[in-house]
Amino acid sequence: MEGEQTQTSPLQRALDVVEELSMEEQETLVEVIERRLVEWRRAEIARNAAATLQAVRDGSARYGSVEDLKRDLASEP
């Protein structure tokens, strides 16, 4: 349609900018993003570990067998 602007997603806009970078800059960007993802995952694991330790300390942790876990997971909506 005439005069209508198409909306591009943030991902597409980022890809458009990345395409303007040199190959070396793109490789550096990939390395930086990979490091940040690793750091994010480590922080997530640390948060989950802290929450688990707190649940054990305050007595709200649940214990059981693998079969108990399977039943619990199967009964979740």
C-alpha atoms as a PDB file:
ATOM      1  CA  MET A   1       0.000   0.000   0.000  1.00  0.00           C
ATOM      2  CA  GLU A   2       1.241   3.430  -0.893  1.00  0.00           C
ATOM      3  CA  GLY A   3       2.689   5.483   1.970  1.00  0.00           C
ATOM      4  CA  GLU A   4       2.478   2.580   4.406  1.00  0.00           C
ATOM      5  CA  GLN A   5       5.646   1.861   6.341  1.00  0.00           C
ATOM      6  CA  THR A   6       6.386  -1.737   7.162  1.00  0.00           C
ATOM      7  CA  GLN A   7       7.490  -2.440  10.692  1.00  0.00           C
ATOM      8  CA  THR A   8      10.728  -4.352  11.035  1.00  0.00           C
ATOM      9  CA  SER A   9      11.493  -6.389  14.087  1.00  0.00           C
ATOM     10  CA  PRO A  10      14.328  -5.416  16.441  1.00  0.00           C
ATOM     11  CA  LEU A  11      16.121  -8.584  15.337  1.00  0.00           C
ATOM     12  CA  GLN A  12      15.913  -7.618  11.667  1.00  0.00           C
ATOM     13  CA  ARG A  13      17.157  -4.102  12.453  1.00  0.00           C
ATOM     14  CA  ALA A  14      20.095  -5.594  14.401  1.00  0.00           C
ATOM     15  CA  LEU A  15      20.912  -7.929  11.511  1.00  0.00           C
ATOM     16  CA  ASP A  16      20.828  -5.006   9.102  1.00  0.00           C
ATOM     17  CA  VAL A  17      23.350  -3.137  11.277  1.00  0.00           C
ATOM     18  CA  VAL A  18      25.561  -6.223  11.632  1.00  0.00           C
ATOM     19  CA  GLU A  19      25.662  -6.636   7.867  1.00  0.00           C
ATOM     20  CA  GLU A  20      27.247  -3.178   7.657  1.00  0.00           C
ATOM     21  CA  LEU A  21      30.160  -4.313   9.854  1.00  0.00           C
ATOM     22  CA  SER A  22      33.370  -5.746   8.489  1.00  0.00           C
ATOM     23  CA  MET A  23      33.944  -9.490   8.747  1.00  0.00           C
ATOM     24  CA  GLU A  24      36.410  -8.903  11.611  1.00  0.00           C
ATOM     25  CA  GLU A  25      33.889  -6.755  13.481  1.00  0.00           C
ATOM     26  CA  GLN A  26      31.204  -9.395  12.962  1.00  0.00           C
ATOM     27  CA  GLU A  27      33.517 -12.089  14.352  1.00  0.00           C
ATOM     28  CA  THR A  28      34.285  -9.914  17.374  1.00  0.00           C
ATOM     29  CA  LEU A  29      30.577  -9.297  17.881  1.00  0.00           C
ATOM     30  CA  VAL A  30      29.864 -13.031  17.812  1.00  0.00           C
ATOM     31  CA  GLU A  31      32.596 -13.655  20.404  1.00  0.00           C
ATOM     32  CA  VAL A  32      31.231 -10.924  22.679  1.00  0.00           C
ATOM     33  CA  ILE A  33      27.669 -12.245  22.397  1.00  0.00           C
ATOM     34  CA  GLU A  34      28.805 -15.820  23.107  1.00  0.00           C
ATOM     35  CA  ARG A  35      30.690 -14.657  26.240  1.00  0.00           C
ATOM     36  CA  ARG A  36      27.670 -12.698  27.438  1.00  0.00           C
ATOM     37  CA  LEU A  37      25.396 -15.704  26.931  1.00  0.00           C
ATOM     38  CA  VAL A  38      27.780 -17.886  28.946  1.00  0.00           C
ATOM     39  CA  GLU A  39      27.843 -15.278  31.732  1.00  0.00           C
ATOM     40  CA  TRP A  40      24.048 -15.037  31.663  1.00  0.00           C
ATOM     41  CA  ARG A  41      23.705 -18.832  31.923  1.00  0.00           C
ATOM     42  CA  ARG A  42      26.189 -18.970  34.808  1.00  0.00           C
ATOM     43  CA  ALA A  43      24.268 -16.259  36.649  1.00  0.00           C
ATOM     44  CA  GLU A  44      21.021 -18.166  36.049  1.00  0.00           C
ATOM     45  CA  ILE A  45      22.566 -21.371  37.415  1.00  0.00           C
ATOM     46  CA  ALA A  46      23.834 -19.455  40.461  1.00  0.00           C
ATOM     47  CA  ARG A  47      20.354 -17.979  41.070  1.00  0.00           C
ATOM     48  CA  ASN A  48      18.767 -21.429  40.805  1.00  0.00           C
ATOM     49  CA  ALA A  49      21.366 -22.894  43.165  1.00  0.00           C
ATOM     50  CA  ALA A  50      20.770 -20.117  45.703  1.00  0.00           C
ATOM     51  CA  ALA A  51      17.003 -20.651  45.513  1.00  0.00           C
ATOM     52  CA  THR A  52      17.478 -24.399  45.972  1.00  0.00           C
ATOM     53  CA  LEU A  53      19.752 -23.916  48.985  1.00  0.00           C
ATOM     54  CA  GLN A  54      17.235 -21.516  50.502  1.00  0.00           C
ATOM     55  CA  ALA A  55      14.427 -24.050  49.983  1.00  0.00           C
ATOM     56  CA  VAL A  56      16.505 -26.696  51.754  1.00  0.00           C
ATOM     57  CA  ARG A  57      17.284 -24.309  54.622  1.00  0.00           C
ATOM     58  CA  ASP A  58      13.687 -23.214  55.153  1.00  0.00           C
ATOM     59  CA  GLY A  59      12.314 -26.721  54.761  1.00  0.00           C
ATOM     60  CA  SER A  60      10.255 -26.105  51.640  1.00  0.00           C
ATOM     61  CA  ALA A  61      12.367 -28.373  49.412  1.00  0.00           C
ATOM     62  CA  ARG A  62      10.605 -31.491  48.217  1.00  0.00           C
ATOM     63  CA  TYR A  63      12.296 -34.858  48.270  1.00  0.00           C
ATOM     64  CA  GLY A  64      11.459 -38.057  46.495  1.00  0.00           C
ATOM     65  CA  SER A  65      12.457 -40.606  43.927  1.00  0.00           C
ATOM     66  CA  VAL A  66      12.771 -40.178  40.180  1.00  0.00           C
ATOM     67  CA  GLU A  67       9.365 -41.816  39.896  1.00  0.00           C
ATOM     68  CA  ASP A  68       7.921 -39.192  42.257  1.00  0.00           C
ATOM     69  CA  LEU A  69       9.419 -36.473  40.035  1.00  0.00           C
ATOM     70  CA  LYS A  70       7.953 -38.044  36.909  1.00  0.00           C
ATOM     71  CA  ARG A  71       4.498 -38.166  38.520  1.00  0.00           C
ATOM     72  CA  ASP A  72       4.790 -34.540  39.633  1.00  0.00           C
ATOM     73  CA  LEU A  73       5.850 -33.387  36.189  1.00  0.00           C
ATOM     74  CA  ALA A  74       3.091 -35.388  34.499  1.00  0.00           C
ATOM     75  CA  SER A  75       0.448 -33.857  36.753  1.00  0.00           C
ATOM     76  CA  GLU A  76       1.459 -30.232  36.051  1.00  0.00           C
ATOM     77  CA  PRO A  77      -0.814 -28.325  33.672  1.00  0.00           C
END
